Structures are given as structure tokens and as C-alpha cells.
Amino acid sequence: MKLAKILAIGIVVSGVVILGIGLFQLWDIKRQEQISLEAAKELVEENKPKVKKEEFKPETGEASGLLVIPKINAELAIVEGTDADDLEKGVGHYKGSFYPEENGQIVLSGHRDTVFRKAGDLVIGDQLTMKMPYGDYTYEITGTKIVSADDTSIITLQNSEEELVLTTCYPFSYVGDAPERYIIYAKRTSDDH
């Protein structure tokens, strides 16, 4: 009887500790996202002098711009890099992919359960804006597709035309490592800076 009571107390204490760790991790991710968002907003502030495109060289882990998605009421920090640490801060810019005005494939990745939680609500024709320190660039969604998690063919890093590609894990409600990726393709709509 005594052993059962000790075991029950041990299970309850373990559950409380695991819950506490999980809550701390959620709080820490939200805190990191907020810090990056504030840095990104400061970087692209409208009354701030624009940076020359040639001088724009973000460091890994730093905020490099802002992704605005009006349809889902989202303002998300774009962070250079797609490591786990970078993705905890916001939307990761895939190293080696391009930025606006570089005439190539721009690849942005984010977690389905944080920054891209509502990505499934986006449809063809919805607009996305990348606010960069050197200008604002609006894109219109032209297509979506679902691929296997290990399919890397969507990242072509082509440099023949400007294309914005958003990637996130799929299905959105899946718990654990998702077996697929949800891909959103968008083309630039205007030359606004």
C-alpha cells in the first residue's frame, strides 16, 4: 500500500515537472518571437532612412525584415537562418535563397504551431508583404501544394525569376514530427519600394 502511494506521488510530481518545462518552453518561444518582432519593426520603420540593397547583409539569427499577411492578421519577424534556434524567433529565411530584388527564389520557413498556425487559411490571390530595410515588396499567392517531409525539390534556389516560397510542416494539427510539408508559392505584384 505504501509503495503504491509513493508511486502515485512520484507520477503526479513528474507530471507537474513535465508540464512546467513545457510551459516554460512555450513562454520562452513567445518571448523570443516578441524580441525578434520588435527588432524587425525597428529595422523597417517607415521614417527611418532606407538601407541600400547592396549594404544589406543580415547575420544568422538576426531579424532581417518583416512578413505581413493581412488575411490572417499576422506580422512576423523574418530571421536569417532556419536552424531550430532561428525558427523559435520567427519565420526563417533559408540561407542561400534570395531576398527581394535579387531575381531568385526566396524561401521562408516557419513552425506550423507558432508563426504559420493559420497558413492553411491562405488561398490563391491572397497577398503577402515583405518589409525590408531597403523597401516593401508585395506578393500574391499563385499556388499551394503538399509534399513529403523529405522532398527537397521545392527549394531550387533558381535565379531566373523572383518567387516567394513559404514552407511549414503539415498536417497543421499533427502532433510530433509531421510527415509532410505545406508549400505556398507567390509572385511579386508590383515594383513598390
Protein backbone atom coordinates (compact mmCIF):
# COMPACT_ATOMS: atom_id res chain seq x y z
CA MET A 1 0.00 0.00 0.00
CA LYS A 2 2.81 2.39 0.93
CA LEU A 3 4.65 1.64 -2.35
CA ALA A 4 1.50 2.45 -4.38
CA LYS A 5 1.16 5.80 -2.60
CA ILE A 6 4.83 6.69 -3.23
CA LEU A 7 4.44 5.65 -6.88
CA ALA A 8 1.29 7.79 -7.26
CA ILE A 9 3.02 10.82 -5.71
CA GLY A 10 6.02 10.24 -8.00
CA ILE A 11 3.79 10.17 -11.07
CA VAL A 12 2.00 13.39 -10.03
CA VAL A 13 5.29 15.18 -9.31
CA SER A 14 6.73 14.01 -12.65
CA GLY A 15 3.63 15.29 -14.45
CA VAL A 16 3.88 18.69 -12.77
CA VAL A 17 7.60 18.95 -13.67
CA ILE A 18 6.95 17.99 -17.33
CA LEU A 19 4.06 20.46 -17.55
CA GLY A 20 6.25 23.18 -16.02
CA ILE A 21 9.03 22.54 -18.54
CA GLY A 22 6.54 22.65 -21.42
CA LEU A 23 5.00 25.91 -20.22
CA PHE A 24 8.46 27.45 -19.78
CA GLN A 25 9.41 26.45 -23.34
CA LEU A 26 6.21 27.99 -24.75
CA TRP A 27 6.81 31.19 -22.78
CA ASP A 28 10.44 31.32 -23.99
CA ILE A 29 9.44 30.88 -27.66
CA LYS A 30 6.83 33.66 -27.35
CA ARG A 31 9.43 35.90 -25.68
CA GLN A 32 11.99 35.25 -28.45
CA GLU A 33 9.35 35.87 -31.15
CA GLN A 34 8.42 39.20 -29.48
CA ILE A 35 12.07 40.33 -29.26
CA SER A 36 12.62 39.49 -32.95
CA LEU A 37 9.36 41.17 -33.96
CA GLU A 38 10.37 44.39 -32.20
CA ALA A 39 13.81 44.27 -33.86
CA ALA A 40 12.21 43.65 -37.29
CA LYS A 41 9.75 46.53 -36.86
CA GLU A 42 12.58 48.86 -35.88
CA LEU A 43 14.60 47.70 -38.90
CA VAL A 44 11.83 48.56 -41.38
CA GLU A 45 10.44 51.66 -39.64
CA GLU A 46 8.90 53.96 -42.26
CA ASN A 47 10.50 57.21 -41.14
CA LYS A 48 13.94 55.59 -40.93
CA PRO A 49 16.35 56.13 -43.85
CA LYS A 50 16.38 53.14 -46.19
CA VAL A 51 19.43 50.90 -46.36
CA LYS A 52 20.99 50.44 -49.80
CA LYS A 53 20.27 46.96 -51.14
CA GLU A 54 24.00 46.32 -51.63
CA GLU A 55 24.66 47.05 -47.94
CA PHE A 56 22.02 44.59 -46.71
CA LYS A 57 23.90 41.62 -45.22
CA PRO A 58 21.98 40.04 -42.30
CA GLU A 59 23.80 37.80 -39.83
CA THR A 60 22.46 34.34 -38.96
CA GLY A 61 19.93 34.58 -36.13
CA GLU A 62 19.24 38.30 -36.66
CA ALA A 63 15.95 39.87 -37.70
CA SER A 64 16.23 40.86 -41.37
CA GLY A 65 12.71 42.07 -42.16
CA LEU A 66 9.01 41.70 -41.54
CA LEU A 67 6.47 39.40 -43.22
CA VAL A 68 2.96 40.89 -43.19
CA ILE A 69 -0.01 38.65 -44.03
CA PRO A 70 -3.22 40.74 -43.84
CA LYS A 71 -5.64 37.80 -44.42
CA ILE A 72 -4.59 36.14 -41.14
CA ASN A 73 -3.73 39.41 -39.38
CA ALA A 74 -0.06 38.42 -38.98
CA GLU A 75 3.11 40.47 -38.61
CA LEU A 76 6.04 38.09 -38.35
CA ALA A 77 9.75 38.72 -37.92
CA ILE A 78 11.91 37.33 -40.71
CA VAL A 79 15.07 35.89 -39.16
CA GLU A 80 18.17 34.91 -41.11
CA GLY A 81 18.57 31.12 -40.94
CA THR A 82 16.36 28.07 -40.45
CA ASP A 83 18.05 26.28 -37.54
CA ALA A 84 15.82 25.35 -34.59
CA ASP A 85 17.08 28.42 -32.67
CA ASP A 86 16.29 30.73 -35.61
CA LEU A 87 12.78 29.32 -36.10
CA GLU A 88 11.97 29.96 -32.42
CA LYS A 89 12.42 33.67 -33.17
CA GLY A 90 10.14 33.93 -36.20
CA VAL A 91 9.99 32.99 -39.88
CA GLY A 92 13.35 31.67 -41.04
CA HIS A 93 14.98 32.86 -44.28
CA TYR A 94 16.63 29.83 -45.88
CA LYS A 95 20.35 30.56 -46.16
CA GLY A 96 21.41 30.56 -49.78
CA SER A 97 18.00 31.63 -51.03
CA PHE A 98 17.43 35.15 -52.28
CA TYR A 99 15.83 38.33 -50.97
CA PRO A 100 13.53 40.76 -52.85
CA GLU A 101 15.16 42.44 -55.87
CA GLU A 102 17.68 39.61 -56.29
CA ASN A 103 15.63 37.92 -59.06
CA GLY A 104 15.53 34.46 -57.50
CA GLN A 105 13.72 32.07 -55.20
CA ILE A 106 13.05 33.49 -51.71
CA VAL A 107 12.42 30.64 -49.23
CA LEU A 108 10.83 31.38 -45.84
CA SER A 109 10.09 28.59 -43.34
CA GLY A 110 8.16 28.57 -40.09
CA HIS A 111 6.65 26.27 -37.50
CA ARG A 112 3.03 25.23 -38.12
CA ASP A 113 2.21 25.56 -34.43
CA THR A 114 3.61 29.09 -33.96
CA VAL A 115 4.16 31.61 -36.78
CA PHE A 116 2.36 29.69 -39.55
CA ARG A 117 -0.50 28.40 -37.40
CA LYS A 118 -3.10 29.88 -39.80
CA ALA A 119 -1.23 29.29 -43.08
CA GLY A 120 -3.93 26.82 -44.15
CA ASP A 121 -6.42 29.71 -44.27
CA LEU A 122 -4.49 31.37 -47.12
CA VAL A 123 -5.76 30.89 -50.68
CA ILE A 124 -4.70 31.80 -54.20
CA GLY A 125 -4.93 35.57 -54.65
CA ASP A 126 -4.14 36.46 -51.01
CA GLN A 127 -1.31 38.93 -50.55
CA LEU A 128 1.89 38.83 -48.51
CA THR A 129 4.27 41.74 -47.99
CA MET A 130 7.95 41.51 -47.19
CA LYS A 131 9.02 44.73 -45.47
CA MET A 132 12.77 45.01 -45.79
CA PRO A 133 15.18 47.74 -44.61
CA TYR A 134 15.52 48.75 -48.29
CA GLY A 135 11.81 48.68 -49.29
CA ASP A 136 8.44 46.91 -49.21
CA TYR A 137 7.55 44.12 -51.64
CA THR A 138 4.08 42.68 -52.17
CA TYR A 139 3.45 39.16 -53.44
CA GLU A 140 0.27 37.35 -54.47
CA ILE A 141 -0.25 33.66 -53.75
CA THR A 142 -0.31 31.71 -57.01
CA GLY A 143 -0.47 28.15 -55.71
CA THR A 144 -0.06 25.68 -52.86
CA LYS A 145 0.98 22.06 -52.64
CA ILE A 146 1.71 19.34 -50.11
CA VAL A 147 4.91 17.32 -50.38
CA SER A 148 6.64 14.63 -48.37
CA ALA A 149 8.75 15.94 -45.45
CA ASP A 150 11.93 14.69 -47.13
CA ASP A 151 11.12 16.23 -50.55
CA THR A 152 13.70 18.95 -51.11
CA SER A 153 12.77 19.55 -54.76
CA ILE A 154 10.76 22.68 -53.91
CA ILE A 155 13.94 24.52 -52.91
CA THR A 156 15.52 25.04 -56.31
CA LEU A 157 17.35 28.30 -55.49
CA GLN A 158 16.68 29.27 -59.10
CA ASN A 159 17.79 32.76 -60.04
CA SER A 160 15.81 33.38 -63.22
CA GLU A 161 12.71 35.00 -61.69
CA GLU A 162 11.61 36.32 -58.32
CA GLU A 163 9.41 33.83 -56.46
CA LEU A 164 8.43 33.72 -52.78
CA VAL A 165 8.05 30.23 -51.28
CA LEU A 166 6.69 29.66 -47.76
CA THR A 167 7.14 26.22 -46.18
CA THR A 168 5.76 24.70 -42.99
CA CYS A 169 5.06 21.26 -41.58
CA TYR A 170 1.79 19.53 -42.45
CA PRO A 171 -0.84 18.44 -41.40
CA PHE A 172 -1.34 21.53 -39.24
CA SER A 173 -2.97 19.60 -36.39
CA TYR A 174 -0.38 16.80 -36.36
CA VAL A 175 1.39 16.14 -33.05
CA GLY A 176 5.12 15.40 -33.34
CA ASP A 177 7.30 15.41 -36.45
CA ALA A 178 4.89 15.91 -39.32
CA PRO A 179 5.22 13.58 -42.34
CA GLU A 180 4.59 16.30 -44.94
CA ARG A 181 5.29 19.95 -45.82
CA TYR A 182 2.78 22.59 -46.90
CA ILE A 183 4.17 24.86 -49.60
CA ILE A 184 2.83 28.28 -50.65
CA TYR A 185 4.05 29.93 -53.85
CA ALA A 186 3.72 33.66 -54.53
CA LYS A 187 4.79 36.10 -57.26
CA ARG A 188 5.62 39.77 -56.85
CA THR A 189 2.74 42.05 -57.83
CA SER A 190 4.39 45.43 -58.09
CA ASP A 191 7.65 47.33 -58.02
CA ASP A 192 6.74 49.32 -54.93
CA HIS A 193 9.65 50.15 -52.64
